[in-house]
Structures are given as C-alpha cells and as structure tokens.
N, C-alpha and C. Protein backbone atom coordinates (compact mmCIF):
# COMPACT_ATOMS: atom_id res chain seq x y z
N MET A 1 11.44 -106.33 51.92
CA MET A 1 12.69 -106.29 51.20
C MET A 1 12.56 -105.49 49.91
N LYS A 2 11.48 -105.65 49.20
CA LYS A 2 11.28 -104.92 47.95
C LYS A 2 11.21 -103.43 48.19
N ILE A 3 10.54 -103.02 49.26
CA ILE A 3 10.42 -101.59 49.58
C ILE A 3 11.79 -101.00 49.86
N THR A 4 12.63 -101.74 50.53
CA THR A 4 13.98 -101.27 50.84
C THR A 4 14.78 -101.05 49.55
N LYS A 5 14.66 -101.96 48.60
CA LYS A 5 15.35 -101.81 47.32
C LYS A 5 14.83 -100.59 46.56
N ILE A 6 13.53 -100.41 46.58
CA ILE A 6 12.92 -99.27 45.89
C ILE A 6 13.40 -97.97 46.51
N ILE A 7 13.40 -97.91 47.83
CA ILE A 7 13.87 -96.69 48.52
C ILE A 7 15.34 -96.45 48.22
N GLY A 8 16.13 -97.50 48.22
CA GLY A 8 17.56 -97.37 47.92
C GLY A 8 17.79 -96.84 46.51
N LYS A 9 17.04 -97.36 45.55
CA LYS A 9 17.16 -96.88 44.17
C LYS A 9 16.71 -95.43 44.06
N ALA A 10 15.66 -95.06 44.77
CA ALA A 10 15.17 -93.68 44.74
C ALA A 10 16.22 -92.73 45.31
N LYS A 11 16.86 -93.12 46.40
CA LYS A 11 17.90 -92.28 46.99
C LYS A 11 19.08 -92.11 46.04
N THR A 12 19.48 -93.21 45.40
CA THR A 12 20.58 -93.14 44.45
C THR A 12 20.23 -92.24 43.27
N THR A 13 19.03 -92.39 42.74
CA THR A 13 18.58 -91.56 41.63
C THR A 13 18.53 -90.10 42.05
N THR A 14 18.01 -89.83 43.23
CA THR A 14 17.94 -88.46 43.72
C THR A 14 19.32 -87.85 43.85
N ARG A 15 20.26 -88.61 44.39
CA ARG A 15 21.64 -88.11 44.52
C ARG A 15 22.24 -87.78 43.16
N LYS A 16 21.99 -88.65 42.17
CA LYS A 16 22.51 -88.41 40.82
C LYS A 16 21.90 -87.14 40.21
N VAL A 17 20.61 -86.98 40.37
CA VAL A 17 19.92 -85.80 39.82
C VAL A 17 20.44 -84.53 40.48
N VAL A 18 20.60 -84.56 41.79
CA VAL A 18 21.11 -83.40 42.51
C VAL A 18 22.53 -83.09 42.07
N ALA A 19 23.37 -84.11 41.95
CA ALA A 19 24.75 -83.92 41.52
C ALA A 19 24.80 -83.33 40.11
N GLN A 20 23.96 -83.81 39.22
CA GLN A 20 23.92 -83.27 37.86
C GLN A 20 23.46 -81.82 37.85
N ALA A 21 22.47 -81.50 38.66
CA ALA A 21 21.97 -80.13 38.74
C ALA A 21 23.04 -79.20 39.28
N MET A 22 23.76 -79.65 40.28
CA MET A 22 24.82 -78.83 40.86
C MET A 22 25.95 -78.61 39.86
N ALA A 23 26.31 -79.65 39.12
CA ALA A 23 27.35 -79.52 38.11
C ALA A 23 26.94 -78.54 37.02
N LYS A 24 25.68 -78.61 36.62
CA LYS A 24 25.18 -77.67 35.60
C LYS A 24 25.23 -76.24 36.12
N GLN A 25 24.83 -76.05 37.36
CA GLN A 25 24.84 -74.71 37.95
C GLN A 25 26.27 -74.18 38.03
N GLU A 26 27.22 -75.02 38.40
CA GLU A 26 28.62 -74.60 38.46
C GLU A 26 29.13 -74.19 37.09
N ARG A 27 28.75 -74.93 36.04
CA ARG A 27 29.16 -74.57 34.68
C ARG A 27 28.57 -73.22 34.28
N GLU A 28 27.31 -72.99 34.64
CA GLU A 28 26.66 -71.73 34.30
C GLU A 28 27.32 -70.57 35.02
N ILE A 29 27.68 -70.77 36.27
CA ILE A 29 28.37 -69.73 37.04
C ILE A 29 29.72 -69.44 36.41
N GLN A 30 30.43 -70.48 36.02
CA GLN A 30 31.73 -70.30 35.39
C GLN A 30 31.59 -69.52 34.09
N LEU A 31 30.59 -69.85 33.29
CA LEU A 31 30.37 -69.13 32.05
C LEU A 31 30.07 -67.66 32.31
N THR A 32 29.26 -67.41 33.34
CA THR A 32 28.95 -66.04 33.69
C THR A 32 30.20 -65.29 34.11
N ASP A 33 31.04 -65.92 34.93
CA ASP A 33 32.29 -65.29 35.35
C ASP A 33 33.19 -64.99 34.16
N GLU A 34 33.26 -65.94 33.23
CA GLU A 34 34.07 -65.72 32.03
C GLU A 34 33.53 -64.57 31.19
N ARG A 35 32.21 -64.48 31.09
CA ARG A 35 31.61 -63.38 30.32
C ARG A 35 31.89 -62.04 30.99
N ILE A 36 31.81 -62.01 32.30
CA ILE A 36 32.08 -60.76 33.02
C ILE A 36 33.53 -60.35 32.82
N GLN A 37 34.46 -61.31 32.96
CA GLN A 37 35.87 -61.00 32.76
C GLN A 37 36.14 -60.51 31.34
N GLU A 38 35.50 -61.13 30.37
CA GLU A 38 35.68 -60.70 28.98
C GLU A 38 35.12 -59.29 28.78
N ALA A 39 33.98 -59.00 29.38
CA ALA A 39 33.39 -57.66 29.27
C ALA A 39 34.31 -56.62 29.90
N ILE A 40 34.93 -56.96 31.02
CA ILE A 40 35.87 -56.03 31.67
C ILE A 40 37.08 -55.81 30.77
N ARG A 41 37.62 -56.88 30.21
CA ARG A 41 38.78 -56.74 29.31
C ARG A 41 38.46 -55.84 28.13
N LEU A 42 37.30 -56.08 27.53
CA LEU A 42 36.93 -55.27 26.36
C LEU A 42 36.71 -53.81 26.73
N LYS A 43 36.08 -53.57 27.87
CA LYS A 43 35.83 -52.19 28.29
C LYS A 43 37.13 -51.49 28.64
N ALA A 44 38.04 -52.19 29.31
CA ALA A 44 39.34 -51.60 29.64
C ALA A 44 40.11 -51.24 28.37
N TYR A 45 40.05 -52.12 27.39
CA TYR A 45 40.70 -51.84 26.11
C TYR A 45 40.04 -50.65 25.41
N ASP A 46 38.73 -50.57 25.49
CA ASP A 46 38.00 -49.45 24.91
C ASP A 46 38.43 -48.13 25.58
N LEU A 47 38.57 -48.15 26.89
CA LEU A 47 39.03 -46.96 27.62
C LEU A 47 40.44 -46.56 27.18
N TYR A 48 41.29 -47.55 27.00
CA TYR A 48 42.65 -47.32 26.52
C TYR A 48 42.62 -46.64 25.15
N LEU A 49 41.77 -47.16 24.27
CA LEU A 49 41.66 -46.56 22.93
C LEU A 49 41.09 -45.15 22.99
N GLN A 50 40.14 -44.92 23.90
CA GLN A 50 39.55 -43.59 24.03
C GLN A 50 40.59 -42.56 24.48
N ARG A 51 41.59 -43.00 25.21
CA ARG A 51 42.67 -42.10 25.63
C ARG A 51 43.74 -41.96 24.55
N GLY A 52 43.48 -42.48 23.39
CA GLY A 52 44.43 -42.36 22.29
C GLY A 52 45.51 -43.43 22.32
N GLY A 53 45.30 -44.49 23.05
CA GLY A 53 46.27 -45.59 23.10
C GLY A 53 47.52 -45.27 23.91
N GLN A 54 47.41 -44.31 24.81
CA GLN A 54 48.56 -43.95 25.64
C GLN A 54 48.74 -44.98 26.75
N HIS A 55 49.98 -45.42 26.91
CA HIS A 55 50.29 -46.43 27.92
C HIS A 55 50.43 -45.80 29.30
N GLY A 56 50.34 -46.65 30.32
CA GLY A 56 50.60 -46.20 31.68
C GLY A 56 49.38 -46.12 32.57
N ASN A 57 48.19 -46.32 32.05
CA ASN A 57 46.97 -46.22 32.85
C ASN A 57 46.19 -47.52 32.85
N ASP A 58 46.86 -48.64 32.63
CA ASP A 58 46.16 -49.91 32.51
C ASP A 58 45.41 -50.28 33.79
N PHE A 59 46.01 -50.04 34.95
CA PHE A 59 45.35 -50.38 36.21
C PHE A 59 44.09 -49.54 36.41
N GLU A 60 44.20 -48.24 36.14
CA GLU A 60 43.04 -47.36 36.27
C GLU A 60 41.95 -47.73 35.27
N ASP A 61 42.36 -48.08 34.06
CA ASP A 61 41.39 -48.51 33.05
C ASP A 61 40.65 -49.77 33.51
N TRP A 62 41.40 -50.70 34.10
CA TRP A 62 40.80 -51.95 34.56
C TRP A 62 39.80 -51.67 35.68
N LEU A 63 40.18 -50.85 36.65
CA LEU A 63 39.27 -50.54 37.76
C LEU A 63 38.01 -49.82 37.27
N THR A 64 38.19 -48.89 36.37
CA THR A 64 37.04 -48.17 35.80
C THR A 64 36.14 -49.14 35.04
N ALA A 65 36.75 -50.03 34.27
CA ALA A 65 35.98 -51.01 33.51
C ALA A 65 35.22 -51.95 34.45
N GLU A 66 35.84 -52.37 35.55
CA GLU A 66 35.16 -53.22 36.53
C GLU A 66 33.91 -52.54 37.08
N LYS A 67 34.05 -51.26 37.42
CA LYS A 67 32.90 -50.52 37.95
C LYS A 67 31.79 -50.41 36.91
N MET A 68 32.18 -50.11 35.69
CA MET A 68 31.18 -49.94 34.64
C MET A 68 30.46 -51.26 34.33
N VAL A 69 31.20 -52.34 34.26
CA VAL A 69 30.61 -53.65 33.95
C VAL A 69 29.75 -54.14 35.11
N SER A 70 30.21 -53.92 36.34
CA SER A 70 29.44 -54.38 37.49
C SER A 70 28.06 -53.70 37.57
N GLN A 71 27.95 -52.51 37.04
CA GLN A 71 26.66 -51.83 37.02
C GLN A 71 25.71 -52.46 36.01
N GLN A 72 26.27 -53.13 35.01
CA GLN A 72 25.45 -53.79 33.98
C GLN A 72 24.91 -55.13 34.44
N PHE A 73 25.64 -55.82 35.33
CA PHE A 73 25.23 -57.17 35.75
C PHE A 73 24.51 -57.14 37.03
C-alpha cells in the first residue's frame, strides 16, 4: 500500500512539473512571437521613413520587413 501511494505521488508530481515546463515554454514562444512582430513593425516603419514618409506602400513595406526580419531569426 505504501508503494502505491509513493508511486501515485510521484506521478502527480511529474505531471505538475511537466505542466509547468510546458506553460513556461508556451510563454517563451509567445514572447518570441511578440518580439518578431515588433521587429517587423519597426522595420516596416523604418522602410516607410526611408521612402520619405510617402503613403501607399504599407503592404510592400510589411512584406519586405517580414523577409528582412525572418533572415535575422
């Protein structure tokens, strides 16, 4: 009976540790995604400024920024 309790507690502890590790990994992935999105926004804005702030090329700026940032990561 004691061994069964010990095994049960070990399984519960293992599940908790795994769940915590997975939650941490998800947070890190989310932070990475947010950093990438922010880098794309900043690069697209930089491209806009390099063109003298002329409107009408926001989509092209975004696509170019995505390509440039993806090469960095």
